[in-house]
């Protein structure tokens, strides 16, 4: 169980400061020490915004990750990154991210970088909030890699990535990480057309080293590329199979879908803690404190307070920082108001 009812948390990512966006496009003008300083300053900024909002759980904002997947591909050996997106103009969509050729055995001798991120977060964060790290699961990580003779389909690529992700989880545990999210949005997006029981088996093998050794969660969402979803947006195809996931908490995107299928949190809460996405990261409507109170109280109709956490729908990396800051502040204020009302 979590440390308090109606906990406030985040998925992982947070917007880059404007100066970091600019610097990332001009890295050749900076020295190695300049870049190290920029990374550290960006994490300090992300921590500041989250702590100022009053969150119970914070991350490093994934400030050193250029992209949810591409940053991890930089740690993989045996691939050749595509030099340019196949479609560079027109409406934003996932096909603009491109795919990458596999040129040899997939391995990550330096790990995936999550431990370095967590060590930095530990050093910079104040006492109080729980510190969380996030790692992509192998099925999601396989999504931008092209099959070849050695790895003939996505599942074969996934199997090659399972031990890499497992090793990263083990390293995070050794670093003292007490809360880890293993993100598998691709499993959520494609559960309607694939075998969800197969997804569960892959996920459970991946997280086996971490089960019972930390607070383990996963994030069920339908994708977010520049404010656009990618998947078939229903939770029904995932269940009951996903009830077999070996996690302590499931996070469900709800706000962007106008709380469709909210009743699903009831059966889930009988087995897991549920982190409900009550802030829409794809909209620039700033949820008011009263909005948040109403949404929390709706959730309480289906699940008890000691099983509920609240968060934005997804990571905030693709939401402007001014909006992300206000959304988080109002989320925490609203949840705290319900806590006081309930005497918690």
Protein backbone atom coordinates (compact mmCIF):
# COMPACT_ATOMS: atom_id res chain seq x y z
CA UNK A 1 0.00 0.00 0.00
CA UNK A 2 1.07 3.59 -0.56
CA UNK A 3 2.07 5.87 2.30
CA UNK A 4 -1.13 8.00 2.25
CA UNK A 5 -4.65 7.99 0.76
CA UNK A 6 -5.43 10.30 -2.16
CA UNK A 7 -1.78 10.63 -3.04
CA UNK A 8 -0.64 13.14 -5.68
CA UNK A 9 1.89 11.93 -8.21
CA UNK A 10 3.13 12.35 -11.79
CA UNK A 11 3.92 9.97 -14.62
CA UNK A 12 7.46 11.11 -15.24
CA UNK A 13 8.15 13.77 -17.85
CA UNK A 14 7.93 17.53 -17.39
CA UNK A 15 8.35 20.36 -19.94
CA UNK A 16 11.84 21.48 -20.83
CA UNK A 17 12.62 25.09 -19.93
CA UNK A 18 12.70 27.28 -23.06
CA UNK A 19 16.45 27.78 -22.77
CA UNK A 20 17.01 24.02 -22.75
CA UNK A 21 14.91 23.62 -25.90
CA UNK A 22 17.10 26.25 -27.57
CA UNK A 23 20.34 24.78 -26.27
CA UNK A 24 19.35 21.25 -27.37
CA UNK A 25 19.16 22.51 -30.95
CA UNK A 26 22.62 24.11 -30.70
CA UNK A 27 24.64 21.63 -28.65
CA UNK A 28 27.64 22.05 -30.90
CA UNK A 29 28.13 25.53 -29.45
CA UNK A 30 28.49 24.19 -25.90
CA UNK A 31 31.28 22.42 -24.11
CA UNK A 32 30.93 19.19 -22.12
CA UNK A 33 30.85 21.06 -18.82
CA UNK A 34 28.26 23.51 -20.19
CA UNK A 35 26.01 20.60 -21.12
CA UNK A 36 26.42 18.95 -17.73
CA UNK A 37 25.47 22.23 -16.07
CA UNK A 38 22.41 22.66 -18.31
CA UNK A 39 21.15 19.19 -17.49
CA UNK A 40 21.54 19.77 -13.78
CA UNK A 41 19.86 23.18 -13.92
CA UNK A 42 16.94 21.75 -15.88
CA UNK A 43 16.39 19.01 -13.28
CA UNK A 44 16.55 21.65 -10.53
CA UNK A 45 13.84 23.62 -12.36
CA UNK A 46 11.61 20.54 -12.75
CA UNK A 47 12.06 19.61 -9.09
CA UNK A 48 11.26 23.18 -8.05
CA UNK A 49 7.95 23.24 -9.94
CA UNK A 50 6.86 19.86 -8.59
CA UNK A 51 7.85 20.60 -4.99
CA UNK A 52 6.24 24.05 -5.15
CA UNK A 53 3.01 22.41 -6.30
CA UNK A 54 3.14 20.16 -3.21
CA UNK A 55 3.26 16.78 -4.94
CA UNK A 56 3.70 13.70 -2.78
CA UNK A 57 5.75 11.99 -5.51
CA UNK A 58 8.20 13.69 -7.88
CA UNK A 59 10.57 12.71 -10.68
CA UNK A 60 13.50 14.40 -12.39
CA UNK A 61 11.07 15.50 -15.10
CA UNK A 62 13.04 13.35 -17.57
CA UNK A 63 14.94 16.53 -18.41
CA UNK A 64 17.88 14.63 -19.89
CA UNK A 65 15.70 12.58 -22.24
CA UNK A 66 15.32 14.13 -25.66
CA UNK A 67 12.46 11.79 -26.51
CA UNK A 68 10.67 9.00 -24.64
CA UNK A 69 12.21 6.29 -26.84
CA UNK A 70 14.99 7.94 -28.83
CA UNK A 71 16.97 8.79 -25.71
CA UNK A 72 17.08 5.11 -24.80
CA UNK A 73 18.04 4.11 -28.32
CA UNK A 74 21.16 6.19 -27.80
CA UNK A 75 22.25 3.62 -25.22
CA UNK A 76 21.54 0.61 -27.43
CA UNK A 77 24.25 -1.01 -29.51
CA UNK A 78 23.34 -2.93 -32.65
CA UNK A 79 21.12 -0.25 -34.20
CA UNK A 80 21.58 2.51 -36.76
CA UNK A 81 19.49 5.57 -36.02
CA UNK A 82 17.54 6.98 -38.94
CA UNK A 83 19.07 10.34 -39.87
CA UNK A 84 15.81 12.14 -40.63
CA UNK A 85 12.10 11.58 -40.12
CA UNK A 86 10.36 10.06 -43.16
CA UNK A 87 7.64 12.74 -43.06
CA UNK A 88 8.82 16.12 -41.87
CA UNK A 89 5.84 18.34 -42.71
CA UNK A 90 2.11 18.26 -42.21
CA UNK A 91 -0.04 17.37 -39.20
CA UNK A 92 1.98 15.88 -36.32
CA UNK A 93 1.72 12.10 -35.92
CA UNK A 94 3.81 9.15 -34.79
CA UNK A 95 5.01 8.39 -38.32
CA UNK A 96 7.19 11.50 -38.11
CA UNK A 97 9.36 9.77 -35.52
CA UNK A 98 10.77 7.30 -38.02
CA UNK A 99 12.12 3.80 -37.45
CA UNK A 100 15.64 2.50 -37.00
CA UNK A 101 17.54 -0.40 -38.53
CA UNK A 102 18.95 -3.21 -36.42
CA UNK A 103 22.52 -3.89 -37.50
CA UNK A 104 23.72 -6.42 -34.93
CA UNK A 105 23.00 -7.97 -31.56
CA UNK A 106 20.93 -5.66 -29.37
CA UNK A 107 22.69 -4.84 -26.12
CA UNK A 108 23.17 -1.94 -23.72
CA UNK A 109 26.55 -2.30 -21.99
CA UNK A 110 26.17 1.13 -20.34
CA UNK A 111 22.61 0.48 -19.22
CA UNK A 112 19.77 2.79 -20.27
CA UNK A 113 20.73 5.87 -18.28
CA UNK A 114 17.93 5.69 -15.70
CA UNK A 115 20.33 5.06 -12.81
CA UNK A 116 22.34 8.19 -13.58
CA UNK A 117 19.07 10.14 -13.72
CA UNK A 118 17.95 8.75 -10.37
CA UNK A 119 21.29 9.44 -8.69
CA UNK A 120 21.06 13.06 -9.86
CA UNK A 121 17.48 13.31 -8.58
CA UNK A 122 18.52 11.95 -5.16
CA UNK A 123 21.29 14.50 -4.92
CA UNK A 124 19.17 17.49 -5.94
CA UNK A 125 15.75 16.77 -4.44
CA UNK A 126 14.77 18.05 -0.97
CA UNK A 127 13.69 15.75 1.82
CA UNK A 128 9.99 14.95 1.85
CA UNK A 129 8.61 13.86 -1.53
CA UNK A 130 8.89 10.25 -2.68
CA UNK A 131 11.33 9.97 -5.61
CA UNK A 132 10.19 7.96 -8.63
CA UNK A 133 12.06 6.66 -11.68
CA UNK A 134 10.48 5.49 -14.92
CA UNK A 135 11.72 3.05 -17.53
CA UNK A 136 10.08 2.00 -20.82
CA UNK A 137 9.04 -1.61 -21.07
CA UNK A 138 10.54 -3.81 -23.80
CA UNK A 139 7.45 -3.96 -26.01
CA UNK A 140 7.17 -0.19 -26.16
CA UNK A 141 10.93 0.15 -26.62
CA UNK A 142 10.77 -2.23 -29.60
CA UNK A 143 8.25 -0.10 -31.44
CA UNK A 144 10.64 2.05 -33.49
CA UNK A 145 13.04 -0.75 -34.43
CA UNK A 146 12.75 -2.54 -37.78
CA UNK A 147 12.68 -6.37 -37.84
CA UNK A 148 15.39 -8.20 -39.75
CA UNK A 149 16.55 -11.79 -40.27
CA UNK A 150 17.92 -12.04 -36.75
CA UNK A 151 14.83 -10.46 -35.16
CA UNK A 152 12.01 -11.31 -37.58
CA UNK A 153 9.13 -9.53 -35.83
CA UNK A 154 8.31 -7.12 -33.02
CA UNK A 155 8.01 -9.88 -30.46
CA UNK A 156 11.49 -11.16 -31.29
CA UNK A 157 12.86 -7.64 -30.82
CA UNK A 158 10.94 -7.37 -27.56
CA UNK A 159 12.49 -10.59 -26.26
CA UNK A 160 15.96 -9.22 -26.99
CA UNK A 161 15.13 -6.10 -24.97
CA UNK A 162 13.63 -7.91 -21.94
CA UNK A 163 17.00 -8.66 -20.27
CA UNK A 164 18.18 -5.08 -20.94
CA UNK A 165 15.17 -3.58 -19.14
CA UNK A 166 15.43 -6.18 -16.36
CA UNK A 167 19.05 -5.21 -15.79
CA UNK A 168 18.06 -1.53 -15.59
CA UNK A 169 15.45 -2.32 -12.94
CA UNK A 170 18.00 -4.28 -10.93
CA UNK A 171 20.46 -1.38 -11.14
CA UNK A 172 17.80 1.08 -9.98
CA UNK A 173 17.07 -1.11 -6.98
CA UNK A 174 20.77 -1.22 -6.13
CA UNK A 175 20.81 2.59 -6.34
CA UNK A 176 18.10 2.71 -3.68
CA UNK A 177 15.12 3.55 -5.88
CA UNK A 178 11.95 2.75 -3.93
CA UNK A 179 9.39 3.59 -6.63
CA UNK A 180 9.59 2.60 -10.29
CA UNK A 181 7.14 2.93 -13.16
CA UNK A 182 7.56 0.59 -16.10
CA UNK A 183 5.81 2.35 -18.97
CA UNK A 184 4.18 0.15 -21.62
CA UNK A 185 1.85 2.47 -23.55
CA UNK A 186 2.22 0.29 -26.66
CA UNK A 187 0.62 -2.59 -24.79
CA UNK A 188 -2.34 -0.35 -23.98
CA UNK A 189 -2.60 0.95 -27.53
CA UNK A 190 -2.53 -2.47 -29.18
CA UNK A 191 -4.32 -4.69 -26.66
CA UNK A 192 -7.43 -4.54 -28.86
CA UNK A 193 -5.65 -6.38 -31.70
CA UNK A 194 -2.96 -8.42 -29.93
CA UNK A 195 -3.16 -11.07 -27.22
CA UNK A 196 -3.30 -9.15 -23.91
CA UNK A 197 -2.37 -12.30 -21.97
CA UNK A 198 0.87 -12.43 -23.96
CA UNK A 199 1.55 -8.82 -23.00
CA UNK A 200 1.05 -9.70 -19.33
CA UNK A 201 3.48 -12.61 -19.54
CA UNK A 202 6.15 -10.42 -21.16
CA UNK A 203 5.63 -7.63 -18.64
CA UNK A 204 5.80 -9.95 -15.63
CA UNK A 205 9.03 -11.57 -16.80
CA UNK A 206 10.51 -8.13 -17.30
CA UNK A 207 9.65 -6.77 -13.86
CA UNK A 208 10.31 -9.99 -11.92
CA UNK A 209 13.53 -8.67 -10.28
CA UNK A 210 11.66 -5.66 -8.88
CA UNK A 211 8.47 -7.32 -7.61
CA UNK A 212 8.23 -6.96 -3.84
CA UNK A 213 11.42 -4.90 -3.67
CA UNK A 214 9.99 -1.47 -4.51
CA UNK A 215 6.68 0.20 -5.23
CA UNK A 216 6.10 -0.90 -8.82
CA UNK A 217 3.59 0.69 -11.17
CA UNK A 218 2.67 0.82 -14.82
CA UNK A 219 0.99 3.46 -16.94
CA UNK A 220 -1.91 2.52 -19.22
CA UNK A 221 -2.39 5.19 -21.86
CA UNK A 222 -3.17 5.66 -25.53
CA UNK A 223 -0.11 7.58 -26.65
CA UNK A 224 0.78 11.25 -26.80
CA UNK A 225 2.72 12.71 -29.70
CA UNK A 226 2.53 16.50 -29.74
CA UNK A 227 -0.87 16.36 -28.08
CA UNK A 228 -2.29 13.54 -30.22
CA UNK A 229 -3.29 10.04 -29.14
CA UNK A 230 -2.26 7.06 -31.26
CA UNK A 231 -4.17 4.05 -29.95
CA UNK A 232 -7.66 2.63 -29.88
CA UNK A 233 -8.85 4.43 -26.76
CA UNK A 234 -10.70 1.84 -24.70
CA UNK A 235 -9.63 -0.02 -21.59
CA UNK A 236 -12.09 -2.88 -22.06
CA UNK A 237 -9.81 -4.95 -24.38
CA UNK A 238 -7.07 -4.98 -21.72
CA UNK A 239 -9.22 -6.64 -19.07
CA UNK A 240 -9.50 -9.02 -17.39
CA UNK A 241 -6.05 -10.05 -18.69
CA UNK A 242 -4.23 -7.01 -17.27
CA UNK A 243 -5.43 -7.94 -13.78
CA UNK A 244 -2.56 -10.43 -13.94
CA UNK A 245 0.13 -7.72 -14.07
CA UNK A 246 2.59 -7.91 -11.17
CA UNK A 247 2.39 -4.29 -10.03
CA UNK A 248 1.36 -2.36 -6.95
CA UNK A 249 -0.32 0.48 -8.85
CA UNK A 250 -1.96 1.01 -12.23
CA UNK A 251 -2.25 4.47 -13.71
CA UNK A 252 -5.17 5.12 -16.05
CA UNK A 253 -5.56 8.10 -18.40
CA UNK A 254 -9.08 9.44 -17.81
CA UNK A 255 -9.35 13.24 -18.19
CA UNK A 256 -8.66 13.38 -21.93
CA UNK A 257 -11.40 10.81 -22.47
CA UNK A 258 -13.96 12.75 -20.40
CA UNK A 259 -13.78 9.98 -17.76
CA UNK A 260 -15.19 7.30 -20.04
CA UNK A 261 -14.95 3.85 -18.38
CA UNK A 262 -14.28 5.46 -14.98
CA UNK A 263 -16.18 2.56 -13.42
CA UNK A 264 -13.23 0.34 -14.41
CA UNK A 265 -11.25 1.64 -11.46
CA UNK A 266 -13.59 -0.21 -9.10
CA UNK A 267 -12.55 -3.78 -9.96
CA UNK A 268 -8.93 -2.67 -10.40
CA UNK A 269 -8.91 -1.14 -6.91
CA UNK A 270 -9.90 -4.50 -5.44
CA UNK A 271 -6.41 -5.74 -6.28
CA UNK A 272 -4.19 -2.69 -6.98
CA UNK A 273 -3.82 0.93 -6.05
CA UNK A 274 -5.15 3.10 -8.86
CA UNK A 275 -3.60 6.38 -9.99
CA UNK A 276 -6.29 8.19 -11.95
CA UNK A 277 -5.36 10.75 -14.59
CA UNK A 278 -7.55 13.74 -13.72
CA UNK A 279 -5.56 16.43 -15.58
CA UNK A 280 -5.66 16.57 -19.39
CA UNK A 281 -2.11 17.13 -20.67
CA UNK A 282 -3.35 17.45 -24.26
CA UNK A 283 -5.61 20.44 -23.57
CA UNK A 284 -4.79 24.02 -22.65
CA UNK A 285 -7.92 24.32 -20.58
CA UNK A 286 -6.54 24.84 -17.07
CA UNK A 287 -8.53 22.66 -14.72
CA UNK A 288 -9.80 24.69 -11.76
CA UNK A 289 -9.52 23.58 -8.16
CA UNK A 290 -13.29 22.98 -8.20
CA UNK A 291 -12.90 20.79 -11.30
CA UNK A 292 -10.34 18.69 -9.48
CA UNK A 293 -12.52 18.36 -6.37
CA UNK A 294 -15.44 17.19 -8.49
CA UNK A 295 -13.25 14.65 -10.32
CA UNK A 296 -11.75 13.25 -7.15
CA UNK A 297 -15.20 12.86 -5.62
CA UNK A 298 -16.39 11.03 -8.74
CA UNK A 299 -13.50 8.60 -8.38
CA UNK A 300 -14.40 8.04 -4.74
CA UNK A 301 -17.76 6.69 -5.90
CA UNK A 302 -15.92 3.70 -7.39
CA UNK A 303 -12.79 3.19 -5.26
CA UNK A 304 -11.81 3.84 -1.62
CA UNK A 305 -9.49 6.69 -0.69
CA UNK A 306 -6.71 4.41 0.49
CA UNK A 307 -6.51 2.87 -2.98
CA UNK A 308 -6.53 6.13 -4.95
CA UNK A 309 -3.78 8.38 -6.26
CA UNK A 310 -4.14 11.27 -8.69
CA UNK A 311 -1.94 12.47 -11.52
CA UNK A 312 -1.99 14.10 -14.94
CA UNK A 313 -3.14 11.74 -17.71
CA UNK A 314 0.37 11.27 -19.11
CA UNK A 315 3.77 12.88 -18.85
CA UNK A 316 3.78 16.67 -19.17
CA UNK A 317 6.70 16.95 -21.59
CA UNK A 318 4.46 18.04 -24.47
CA UNK A 319 2.53 20.63 -22.47
CA UNK A 320 3.89 24.18 -22.21
CA UNK A 321 5.56 24.76 -18.87
CA UNK A 322 3.31 27.67 -17.87
CA UNK A 323 0.27 25.43 -18.32
CA UNK A 324 1.88 22.37 -16.70
CA UNK A 325 2.76 24.41 -13.61
CA UNK A 326 -0.77 25.75 -13.19
CA UNK A 327 -2.34 22.36 -13.85
CA UNK A 328 -0.18 20.68 -11.19
CA UNK A 329 -0.84 23.44 -8.66
CA UNK A 330 -4.60 23.16 -9.10
CA UNK A 331 -4.48 19.35 -9.02
CA UNK A 332 -2.71 19.33 -5.66
CA UNK A 333 -4.93 22.07 -4.22
CA UNK A 334 -8.06 20.20 -5.22
CA UNK A 335 -6.89 16.85 -3.85
CA UNK A 336 -5.83 18.50 -0.57
CA UNK A 337 -9.29 20.11 -0.30
CA UNK A 338 -10.91 16.68 -0.53
CA UNK A 339 -8.46 15.28 2.01
CA UNK A 340 -9.44 18.01 4.46
CA UNK A 341 -13.13 17.47 3.78
CA UNK A 342 -12.70 13.76 4.53
CA UNK A 343 -10.54 14.41 7.60
CA UNK A 344 -7.57 12.59 6.07
